[in-house]
Amino acid sequence: MSLLDVRSLSKSFPHGSTLRPAVDDVSFTLREGETLALVGESGAGKSTTGRLVLRLIDADSGEISIRGRDVRGLRGADLRNFRRDAQMIFQDPFSSLNPRMRIWKAVAEPLLVHRVCPRGELKDRAAALLDSVGLGTHLLDRYPTGLSGGQLQRAAIARALSTDPSLIVCDEPVAALDVSVQAQVINLLLDIQEQRGVAYLFVTHDLALVEKVAHSVAVMRAGKIVEHATTGTLFSAPEQDYTRTLLSAIPEMPETATV
């Protein structure tokens, strides 16, 4: 069943005295509980597309719908409910978590914002969320500077899961991490998807990773989707020269980083 439908989505940004398109007539569908990877070189429009889907920035034109409901037209309580059901994991956990906020408070913040549970239960809920991503309760009162990069990204994942979303946009979720912990975080995301049925819009430049995690792939170049296929088809029989060039540049994954 379709969860997310995007049709003819476009967004331009000022560039000098003109407008430069960052996302240009982009269309795709993401099914419930599956992963669609947006891939391409830096500047292709991948991250902007993810932010448009979550309405962190507004599109110039096009349609975004969740389970058939128009997202661009949501206002007030309806928009808040959408943001409860659609979350984001950012690339850099060091900047996505407030350095002045204890970890449990950072994880519990969406619960407070969306009034999911009483204030008196927030710390217990945060402890349960941290436990679900493999972090112990001894970390509850630490600040972000007291955690490693891998631990911080796990905390960011726990925060994203706090409202039990149907959709999570993962924006290069392991790019800022050491290779030694990348596979651990990816395995965690896969386990969460299997257990909770959450769908991922997975933004990445790493095609080796895409082959492991995605059900389908949309290749972006200069703001446009130039190829869209199931992962197996794209890797075995790519149609576009640009896609073949990206695939030919995939490095061999170290044995210690097996996903």
C-alpha atoms as a PDB file:
ATOM      1  CA  MET A   1       0.000   0.000   0.000  1.00  0.00           C
ATOM      2  CA  SER A   2       1.257   3.482  -0.869  1.00  0.00           C
ATOM      3  CA  LEU A   3       2.264   5.665   2.077  1.00  0.00           C
ATOM      4  CA  LEU A   4       3.902   8.662   0.396  1.00  0.00           C
ATOM      5  CA  ASP A   5       3.143  10.002  -3.069  1.00  0.00           C
ATOM      6  CA  VAL A   6       5.131  12.887  -4.524  1.00  0.00           C
ATOM      7  CA  ARG A   7       4.124  14.385  -7.866  1.00  0.00           C
ATOM      8  CA  SER A   8       5.889  17.074  -9.909  1.00  0.00           C
ATOM      9  CA  LEU A   9       7.626  18.550  -6.861  1.00  0.00           C
ATOM     10  CA  SER A  10       9.760  21.618  -7.553  1.00  0.00           C
ATOM     11  CA  LYS A  11      11.791  24.096  -5.526  1.00  0.00           C
ATOM     12  CA  SER A  12      14.163  26.881  -6.601  1.00  0.00           C
ATOM     13  CA  PHE A  13      16.485  29.059  -4.549  1.00  0.00           C
ATOM     14  CA  PRO A  14      17.900  32.515  -5.307  1.00  0.00           C
ATOM     15  CA  HIS A  15      21.260  32.477  -7.061  1.00  0.00           C
ATOM     16  CA  GLY A  16      22.497  35.965  -7.740  1.00  0.00           C
ATOM     17  CA  SER A  17      19.767  37.748  -9.679  1.00  0.00           C
ATOM     18  CA  THR A  18      18.111  34.520 -10.845  1.00  0.00           C
ATOM     19  CA  LEU A  19      16.474  31.422  -9.408  1.00  0.00           C
ATOM     20  CA  ARG A  20      18.261  28.088  -9.595  1.00  0.00           C
ATOM     21  CA  PRO A  21      16.130  24.911  -9.422  1.00  0.00           C
ATOM     22  CA  ALA A  22      17.215  22.576  -6.606  1.00  0.00           C
ATOM     23  CA  VAL A  23      14.358  20.110  -7.127  1.00  0.00           C
ATOM     24  CA  ASP A  24      12.830  19.983 -10.589  1.00  0.00           C
ATOM     25  CA  ASP A  25       9.583  18.105 -11.347  1.00  0.00           C
ATOM     26  CA  VAL A  26      10.329  15.183  -9.009  1.00  0.00           C
ATOM     27  CA  SER A  27       7.823  12.319  -8.661  1.00  0.00           C
ATOM     28  CA  PHE A  28       7.982   9.053  -6.715  1.00  0.00           C
ATOM     29  CA  THR A  29       5.994   6.709  -4.481  1.00  0.00           C
ATOM     30  CA  LEU A  30       7.039   5.082  -1.200  1.00  0.00           C
ATOM     31  CA  ARG A  31       5.130   2.062   0.045  1.00  0.00           C
ATOM     32  CA  GLU A  32       4.266   1.331   3.678  1.00  0.00           C
ATOM     33  CA  GLY A  33       7.148  -0.303   5.543  1.00  0.00           C
ATOM     34  CA  GLU A  34       9.626  -0.033   2.658  1.00  0.00           C
ATOM     35  CA  THR A  35      12.742   2.018   1.932  1.00  0.00           C
ATOM     36  CA  LEU A  36      13.201   4.279  -1.066  1.00  0.00           C
ATOM     37  CA  ALA A  37      16.746   5.570  -1.485  1.00  0.00           C
ATOM     38  CA  LEU A  38      17.402   8.961  -3.073  1.00  0.00           C
ATOM     39  CA  VAL A  39      20.926   8.825  -4.468  1.00  0.00           C
ATOM     40  CA  GLY A  40      23.198  11.069  -6.485  1.00  0.00           C
ATOM     41  CA  GLU A  41      26.175  13.344  -6.226  1.00  0.00           C
ATOM     42  CA  SER A  42      26.405  16.314  -3.869  1.00  0.00           C
ATOM     43  CA  GLY A  43      24.031  19.067  -4.959  1.00  0.00           C
ATOM     44  CA  ALA A  44      21.668  16.707  -6.771  1.00  0.00           C
ATOM     45  CA  GLY A  45      18.699  17.815  -4.662  1.00  0.00           C
ATOM     46  CA  LYS A  46      18.366  14.753  -2.434  1.00  0.00           C
ATOM     47  CA  SER A  47      18.348  16.460   0.960  1.00  0.00           C
ATOM     48  CA  THR A  48      16.158  19.292  -0.294  1.00  0.00           C
ATOM     49  CA  THR A  49      13.618  16.729  -1.472  1.00  0.00           C
ATOM     50  CA  GLY A  50      13.563  15.153   1.995  1.00  0.00           C
ATOM     51  CA  ARG A  51      13.008  18.518   3.641  1.00  0.00           C
ATOM     52  CA  LEU A  52      10.237  19.365   1.191  1.00  0.00           C
ATOM     53  CA  VAL A  53       8.455  16.099   1.988  1.00  0.00           C
ATOM     54  CA  LEU A  54       8.464  16.957   5.707  1.00  0.00           C
ATOM     55  CA  ARG A  55       7.570  20.590   5.017  1.00  0.00           C
ATOM     56  CA  LEU A  56      10.683  21.853   6.733  1.00  0.00           C
ATOM     57  CA  ILE A  57      10.793  24.083   3.672  1.00  0.00           C
ATOM     58  CA  ASP A  58       7.893  24.879   1.344  1.00  0.00           C
ATOM     59  CA  ALA A  59       7.736  23.687  -2.243  1.00  0.00           C
ATOM     60  CA  ASP A  60       7.133  26.078  -5.128  1.00  0.00           C
ATOM     61  CA  SER A  61       4.814  23.602  -6.834  1.00  0.00           C
ATOM     62  CA  GLY A  62       3.804  19.959  -6.907  1.00  0.00           C
ATOM     63  CA  GLU A  63       1.898  17.534  -4.712  1.00  0.00           C
ATOM     64  CA  ILE A  64       2.869  15.647  -1.537  1.00  0.00           C
ATOM     65  CA  SER A  65       0.378  13.233  -0.027  1.00  0.00           C
ATOM     66  CA  ILE A  66       0.452  10.781   2.880  1.00  0.00           C
ATOM     67  CA  ARG A  67      -2.097   7.981   2.542  1.00  0.00           C
ATOM     68  CA  GLY A  68      -3.901  10.110  -0.008  1.00  0.00           C
ATOM     69  CA  ARG A  69      -4.047  13.247   2.135  1.00  0.00           C
ATOM     70  CA  ASP A  70      -2.543  16.470   0.802  1.00  0.00           C
ATOM     71  CA  VAL A  71       0.413  17.517   2.965  1.00  0.00           C
ATOM     72  CA  ARG A  72       1.040  20.925   1.419  1.00  0.00           C
ATOM     73  CA  GLY A  73      -2.427  22.114   2.443  1.00  0.00           C
ATOM     74  CA  LEU A  74      -2.172  21.112   6.102  1.00  0.00           C
ATOM     75  CA  ARG A  75      -2.439  23.817   8.743  1.00  0.00           C
ATOM     76  CA  GLY A  76      -2.630  24.068  12.533  1.00  0.00           C
ATOM     77  CA  ALA A  77      -3.471  20.845  14.370  1.00  0.00           C
ATOM     78  CA  ASP A  78      -3.495  18.839  11.128  1.00  0.00           C
ATOM     79  CA  LEU A  79       0.076  19.927  10.375  1.00  0.00           C
ATOM     80  CA  ARG A  80       1.183  19.061  13.917  1.00  0.00           C
ATOM     81  CA  ASN A  81      -0.361  15.607  13.567  1.00  0.00           C
ATOM     82  CA  PHE A  82       1.497  15.115  10.289  1.00  0.00           C
ATOM     83  CA  ARG A  83       4.790  16.074  11.918  1.00  0.00           C
ATOM     84  CA  ARG A  84       4.095  13.563  14.656  1.00  0.00           C
ATOM     85  CA  ASP A  85       3.703  10.851  11.994  1.00  0.00           C
ATOM     86  CA  ALA A  86       6.718  11.892   9.892  1.00  0.00           C
ATOM     87  CA  GLN A  87      10.123  12.387  11.505  1.00  0.00           C
ATOM     88  CA  MET A  88      13.711  13.001  10.399  1.00  0.00           C
ATOM     89  CA  ILE A  89      17.150  11.687  11.285  1.00  0.00           C
ATOM     90  CA  PHE A  90      19.817  14.216  10.350  1.00  0.00           C
ATOM     91  CA  GLN A  91      23.334  13.547   9.125  1.00  0.00           C
ATOM     92  CA  ASP A  92      25.229  15.090  12.022  1.00  0.00           C
ATOM     93  CA  PRO A  93      24.036  13.999  15.473  1.00  0.00           C
ATOM     94  CA  PHE A  94      26.419  16.498  17.087  1.00  0.00           C
ATOM     95  CA  SER A  95      24.374  19.386  15.686  1.00  0.00           C
ATOM     96  CA  SER A  96      20.909  17.788  15.661  1.00  0.00           C
ATOM     97  CA  LEU A  97      20.781  17.395  19.463  1.00  0.00           C
ATOM     98  CA  ASN A  98      20.801  20.432  21.759  1.00  0.00           C
ATOM     99  CA  PRO A  99      24.217  20.441  23.520  1.00  0.00           C
ATOM    100  CA  ARG A 100      22.664  22.071  26.605  1.00  0.00           C
ATOM    101  CA  MET A 101      19.944  19.467  26.983  1.00  0.00           C
ATOM    102  CA  ARG A 102      20.406  16.167  28.805  1.00  0.00           C
ATOM    103  CA  ILE A 103      19.989  13.165  26.534  1.00  0.00           C
ATOM    104  CA  TRP A 104      16.731  12.014  28.098  1.00  0.00           C
ATOM    105  CA  LYS A 105      15.203  15.463  27.630  1.00  0.00           C
ATOM    106  CA  ALA A 106      16.320  15.612  23.990  1.00  0.00           C
ATOM    107  CA  VAL A 107      14.791  12.202  23.301  1.00  0.00           C
ATOM    108  CA  ALA A 108      11.577  13.070  25.153  1.00  0.00           C
ATOM    109  CA  GLU A 109      11.127  16.528  23.623  1.00  0.00           C
ATOM    110  CA  PRO A 110       8.812  15.369  20.777  1.00  0.00           C
ATOM    111  CA  LEU A 111       6.653  13.586  23.363  1.00  0.00           C
ATOM    112  CA  LEU A 112       6.253  16.898  25.168  1.00  0.00           C
ATOM    113  CA  VAL A 113       5.667  18.951  22.028  1.00  0.00           C
ATOM    114  CA  HIS A 114       3.010  16.564  20.723  1.00  0.00           C
ATOM    115  CA  ARG A 115       1.532  15.894  24.173  1.00  0.00           C
ATOM    116  CA  VAL A 116       1.986  12.156  23.840  1.00  0.00           C
ATOM    117  CA  CYS A 117       2.342  11.515  27.567  1.00  0.00           C
ATOM    118  CA  PRO A 118       2.238  13.388  30.915  1.00  0.00           C
ATOM    119  CA  ARG A 119       5.364  15.266  32.000  1.00  0.00           C
ATOM    120  CA  GLY A 120       5.848  12.906  34.924  1.00  0.00           C
ATOM    121  CA  GLU A 121       6.271   9.957  32.553  1.00  0.00           C
ATOM    122  CA  LEU A 122       8.711  11.580  30.126  1.00  0.00           C
ATOM    123  CA  LYS A 123      11.938  10.294  31.667  1.00  0.00           C
ATOM    124  CA  ASP A 124      10.656   6.716  31.876  1.00  0.00           C
ATOM    125  CA  ARG A 125       9.524   6.878  28.252  1.00  0.00           C
ATOM    126  CA  ALA A 126      12.916   8.264  27.242  1.00  0.00           C
ATOM    127  CA  ALA A 127      14.649   5.430  29.108  1.00  0.00           C
ATOM    128  CA  ALA A 128      12.543   2.857  27.249  1.00  0.00           C
ATOM    129  CA  LEU A 129      13.291   4.504  23.898  1.00  0.00           C
ATOM    130  CA  LEU A 130      17.025   4.611  24.594  1.00  0.00           C
ATOM    131  CA  ASP A 131      16.926   0.959  25.633  1.00  0.00           C
ATOM    132  CA  SER A 132      15.205   0.092  22.336  1.00  0.00           C
ATOM    133  CA  VAL A 133      18.192   1.479  20.403  1.00  0.00           C
ATOM    134  CA  GLY A 134      20.794  -0.216  22.592  1.00  0.00           C
ATOM    135  CA  LEU A 135      21.652   2.627  24.974  1.00  0.00           C
ATOM    136  CA  GLY A 136      21.644   2.066  28.723  1.00  0.00           C
ATOM    137  CA  THR A 137      19.906   4.139  31.364  1.00  0.00           C
ATOM    138  CA  HIS A 138      23.299   5.267  32.698  1.00  0.00           C
ATOM    139  CA  LEU A 139      23.359   7.717  29.759  1.00  0.00           C
ATOM    140  CA  LEU A 140      20.052   9.416  30.597  1.00  0.00           C
ATOM    141  CA  ASP A 141      21.512  12.400  32.434  1.00  0.00           C
ATOM    142  CA  ARG A 142      24.537  12.924  30.222  1.00  0.00           C
ATOM    143  CA  TYR A 143      24.868  15.800  27.807  1.00  0.00           C
ATOM    144  CA  PRO A 144      25.606  15.157  24.104  1.00  0.00           C
ATOM    145  CA  THR A 145      29.300  15.949  24.627  1.00  0.00           C
ATOM    146  CA  GLY A 146      29.495  12.887  26.880  1.00  0.00           C
ATOM    147  CA  LEU A 147      28.483  10.460  24.122  1.00  0.00           C
ATOM    148  CA  SER A 148      30.308   9.095  21.099  1.00  0.00           C
ATOM    149  CA  GLY A 149      29.106   9.795  17.563  1.00  0.00           C
ATOM    150  CA  GLY A 150      27.510   6.373  17.299  1.00  0.00           C
ATOM    151  CA  GLN A 151      25.754   6.767  20.645  1.00  0.00           C
ATOM    152  CA  LEU A 152      24.486  10.208  19.652  1.00  0.00           C
ATOM    153  CA  GLN A 153      23.037   8.912  16.396  1.00  0.00           C
ATOM    154  CA  ARG A 154      21.302   6.112  18.298  1.00  0.00           C
ATOM    155  CA  ALA A 155      19.844   8.773  20.594  1.00  0.00           C
ATOM    156  CA  ALA A 156      18.712  10.742  17.536  1.00  0.00           C
ATOM    157  CA  ILE A 157      17.026   7.595  16.212  1.00  0.00           C
ATOM    158  CA  ALA A 158      15.306   7.095  19.579  1.00  0.00           C
ATOM    159  CA  ARG A 159      14.072  10.689  19.395  1.00  0.00           C
ATOM    160  CA  ALA A 160      12.689  10.116  15.884  1.00  0.00           C
ATOM    161  CA  LEU A 161      10.901   6.967  17.071  1.00  0.00           C
ATOM    162  CA  SER A 162       9.352   8.671  20.097  1.00  0.00           C
ATOM    163  CA  THR A 163       6.108   9.617  18.329  1.00  0.00           C
ATOM    164  CA  ASP A 164       5.786   6.206  16.604  1.00  0.00           C
ATOM    165  CA  PRO A 165       5.976   7.632  13.058  1.00  0.00           C
ATOM    166  CA  SER A 166       4.995   5.873   9.845  1.00  0.00           C
ATOM    167  CA  LEU A 167       7.685   7.718   7.857  1.00  0.00           C
ATOM    168  CA  ILE A 168      11.249   8.690   8.714  1.00  0.00           C
ATOM    169  CA  VAL A 169      13.440  10.704   6.365  1.00  0.00           C
ATOM    170  CA  CYS A 170      17.019   9.533   6.941  1.00  0.00           C
ATOM    171  CA  ASP A 171      19.384  12.216   5.633  1.00  0.00           C
ATOM    172  CA  GLU A 172      22.812  10.580   5.262  1.00  0.00           C
ATOM    173  CA  PRO A 173      22.320   8.976   8.707  1.00  0.00           C
ATOM    174  CA  VAL A 174      25.745   7.320   8.918  1.00  0.00           C
ATOM    175  CA  ALA A 175      27.897   9.643   6.808  1.00  0.00           C
ATOM    176  CA  ALA A 176      29.291  11.465   9.863  1.00  0.00           C
ATOM    177  CA  LEU A 177      30.138   8.249  11.722  1.00  0.00           C
ATOM    178  CA  ASP A 178      33.268   6.128  11.810  1.00  0.00           C
ATOM    179  CA  VAL A 179      33.185   3.136   9.480  1.00  0.00           C
ATOM    180  CA  SER A 180      33.423   0.875  12.516  1.00  0.00           C
ATOM    181  CA  VAL A 181      29.987   1.993  13.775  1.00  0.00           C
ATOM    182  CA  GLN A 182      28.179   2.649  10.488  1.00  0.00           C
ATOM    183  CA  ALA A 183      27.086  -0.967  10.084  1.00  0.00           C
ATOM    184  CA  GLN A 184      25.797  -1.075  13.664  1.00  0.00           C
ATOM    185  CA  VAL A 185      23.540   1.925  13.073  1.00  0.00           C
ATOM    186  CA  ILE A 186      22.310   0.568   9.730  1.00  0.00           C
ATOM    187  CA  ASN A 187      21.491  -2.791  11.304  1.00  0.00           C
ATOM    188  CA  LEU A 188      19.570  -0.938  14.010  1.00  0.00           C
ATOM    189  CA  LEU A 189      17.513   0.914  11.382  1.00  0.00           C
ATOM    190  CA  LEU A 190      16.761  -2.363   9.589  1.00  0.00           C
ATOM    191  CA  ASP A 191      15.685  -4.014  12.847  1.00  0.00           C
ATOM    192  CA  ILE A 192      13.421  -1.064  13.655  1.00  0.00           C
ATOM    193  CA  GLN A 193      11.810  -1.271  10.224  1.00  0.00           C
ATOM    194  CA  GLU A 194      11.142  -4.981  10.637  1.00  0.00           C
ATOM    195  CA  GLN A 195       9.693  -4.537  14.126  1.00  0.00           C
ATOM    196  CA  ARG A 196       7.673  -1.349  13.616  1.00  0.00           C
ATOM    197  CA  GLY A 197       6.875  -1.321   9.907  1.00  0.00           C
ATOM    198  CA  VAL A 198       8.208   2.203   9.479  1.00  0.00           C
ATOM    199  CA  ALA A 199       9.010   3.462   5.970  1.00  0.00           C
ATOM    200  CA  TYR A 200      12.300   5.229   5.213  1.00  0.00           C
ATOM    201  CA  LEU A 201      13.058   7.878   2.631  1.00  0.00           C
ATOM    202  CA  PHE A 202      16.797   7.266   2.682  1.00  0.00           C
ATOM    203  CA  VAL A 203      18.994  10.085   1.377  1.00  0.00           C
ATOM    204  CA  THR A 204      22.550   8.994   0.611  1.00  0.00           C
ATOM    205  CA  HIS A 205      25.432   9.187  -1.820  1.00  0.00           C
ATOM    206  CA  ASP A 206      26.613   5.696  -0.792  1.00  0.00           C
ATOM    207  CA  LEU A 207      25.361   3.175  -3.344  1.00  0.00           C
ATOM    208  CA  ALA A 208      27.067   0.276  -1.589  1.00  0.00           C
ATOM    209  CA  LEU A 209      24.841   1.034   1.375  1.00  0.00           C
ATOM    210  CA  VAL A 210      21.753   1.406  -0.807  1.00  0.00           C
ATOM    211  CA  GLU A 211      22.103  -2.150  -2.089  1.00  0.00           C
ATOM    212  CA  LYS A 212      21.840  -3.387   1.499  1.00  0.00           C
ATOM    213  CA  VAL A 213      18.939  -1.290   2.788  1.00  0.00           C
ATOM    214  CA  ALA A 214      16.639  -0.103  -0.011  1.00  0.00           C
ATOM    215  CA  HIS A 215      13.703  -1.748  -1.758  1.00  0.00           C
ATOM    216  CA  SER A 216      13.806   0.815  -4.569  1.00  0.00           C
ATOM    217  CA  VAL A 217      16.096   3.607  -5.733  1.00  0.00           C
ATOM    218  CA  ALA A 218      15.598   7.006  -7.352  1.00  0.00           C
ATOM    219  CA  VAL A 219      18.742   8.459  -8.929  1.00  0.00           C
ATOM    220  CA  MET A 220      18.875  12.261  -8.863  1.00  0.00           C
ATOM    221  CA  ARG A 221      20.984  14.572 -10.982  1.00  0.00           C
ATOM    222  CA  ALA A 222      20.752  18.375 -11.047  1.00  0.00           C
ATOM    223  CA  GLY A 223      17.417  18.321  -9.247  1.00  0.00           C
ATOM    224  CA  LYS A 224      15.756  15.726 -11.473  1.00  0.00           C
ATOM    225  CA  ILE A 225      15.125  12.002 -11.068  1.00  0.00           C
ATOM    226  CA  VAL A 226      16.896  10.431 -14.029  1.00  0.00           C
ATOM    227  CA  GLU A 227      16.228   6.787 -13.143  1.00  0.00           C
ATOM    228  CA  HIS A 228      13.839   5.023 -10.769  1.00  0.00           C
ATOM    229  CA  ALA A 229      13.763   1.251 -10.305  1.00  0.00           C
ATOM    230  CA  THR A 230      13.730  -1.545  -7.789  1.00  0.00           C
ATOM    231  CA  THR A 231      17.117  -1.992  -6.166  1.00  0.00           C
ATOM    232  CA  GLY A 232      17.750  -5.338  -7.842  1.00  0.00           C
ATOM    233  CA  THR A 233      16.913  -3.983 -11.286  1.00  0.00           C
ATOM    234  CA  LEU A 234      18.954  -0.821 -10.889  1.00  0.00           C
ATOM    235  CA  PHE A 235      22.068  -2.683  -9.783  1.00  0.00           C
ATOM    236  CA  SER A 236      21.787  -5.475 -12.353  1.00  0.00           C
ATOM    237  CA  ALA A 237      20.529  -3.546 -15.381  1.00  0.00           C
ATOM    238  CA  PRO A 238      20.854   0.246 -15.037  1.00  0.00           C
ATOM    239  CA  GLU A 239      19.421   2.173 -17.987  1.00  0.00           C
ATOM    240  CA  GLN A 240      21.209   5.518 -17.722  1.00  0.00           C
ATOM    241  CA  ASP A 241      24.899   6.215 -18.343  1.00  0.00           C
ATOM    242  CA  TYR A 242      24.914   8.432 -15.248  1.00  0.00           C
ATOM    243  CA  THR A 243      23.656   5.561 -13.093  1.00  0.00           C
ATOM    244  CA  ARG A 244      26.276   3.235 -14.537  1.00  0.00           C
ATOM    245  CA  THR A 245      28.956   5.806 -13.713  1.00  0.00           C
ATOM    246  CA  LEU A 246      27.775   5.990 -10.094  1.00  0.00           C
ATOM    247  CA  LEU A 247      27.706   2.207  -9.807  1.00  0.00           C
ATOM    248  CA  SER A 248      31.197   1.854 -11.255  1.00  0.00           C
ATOM    249  CA  ALA A 249      32.537   4.118  -8.497  1.00  0.00           C
ATOM    250  CA  ILE A 250      31.300   1.918  -5.625  1.00  0.00           C
ATOM    251  CA  PRO A 251      34.257   0.920  -3.424  1.00  0.00           C
ATOM    252  CA  GLU A 252      34.435  -2.534  -1.939  1.00  0.00           C
ATOM    253  CA  MET A 253      33.048  -2.551   1.606  1.00  0.00           C
ATOM    254  CA  PRO A 254      35.532  -3.666   4.272  1.00  0.00           C
ATOM    255  CA  GLU A 255      34.794  -7.075   5.722  1.00  0.00           C
ATOM    256  CA  THR A 256      34.512  -5.517   9.203  1.00  0.00           C
ATOM    257  CA  ALA A 257      31.732  -3.216   7.972  1.00  0.00           C
ATOM    258  CA  THR A 258      29.388  -5.920   6.707  1.00  0.00           C
ATOM    259  CA  VAL A 259      25.734  -4.968   7.097  1.00  0.00           C
END
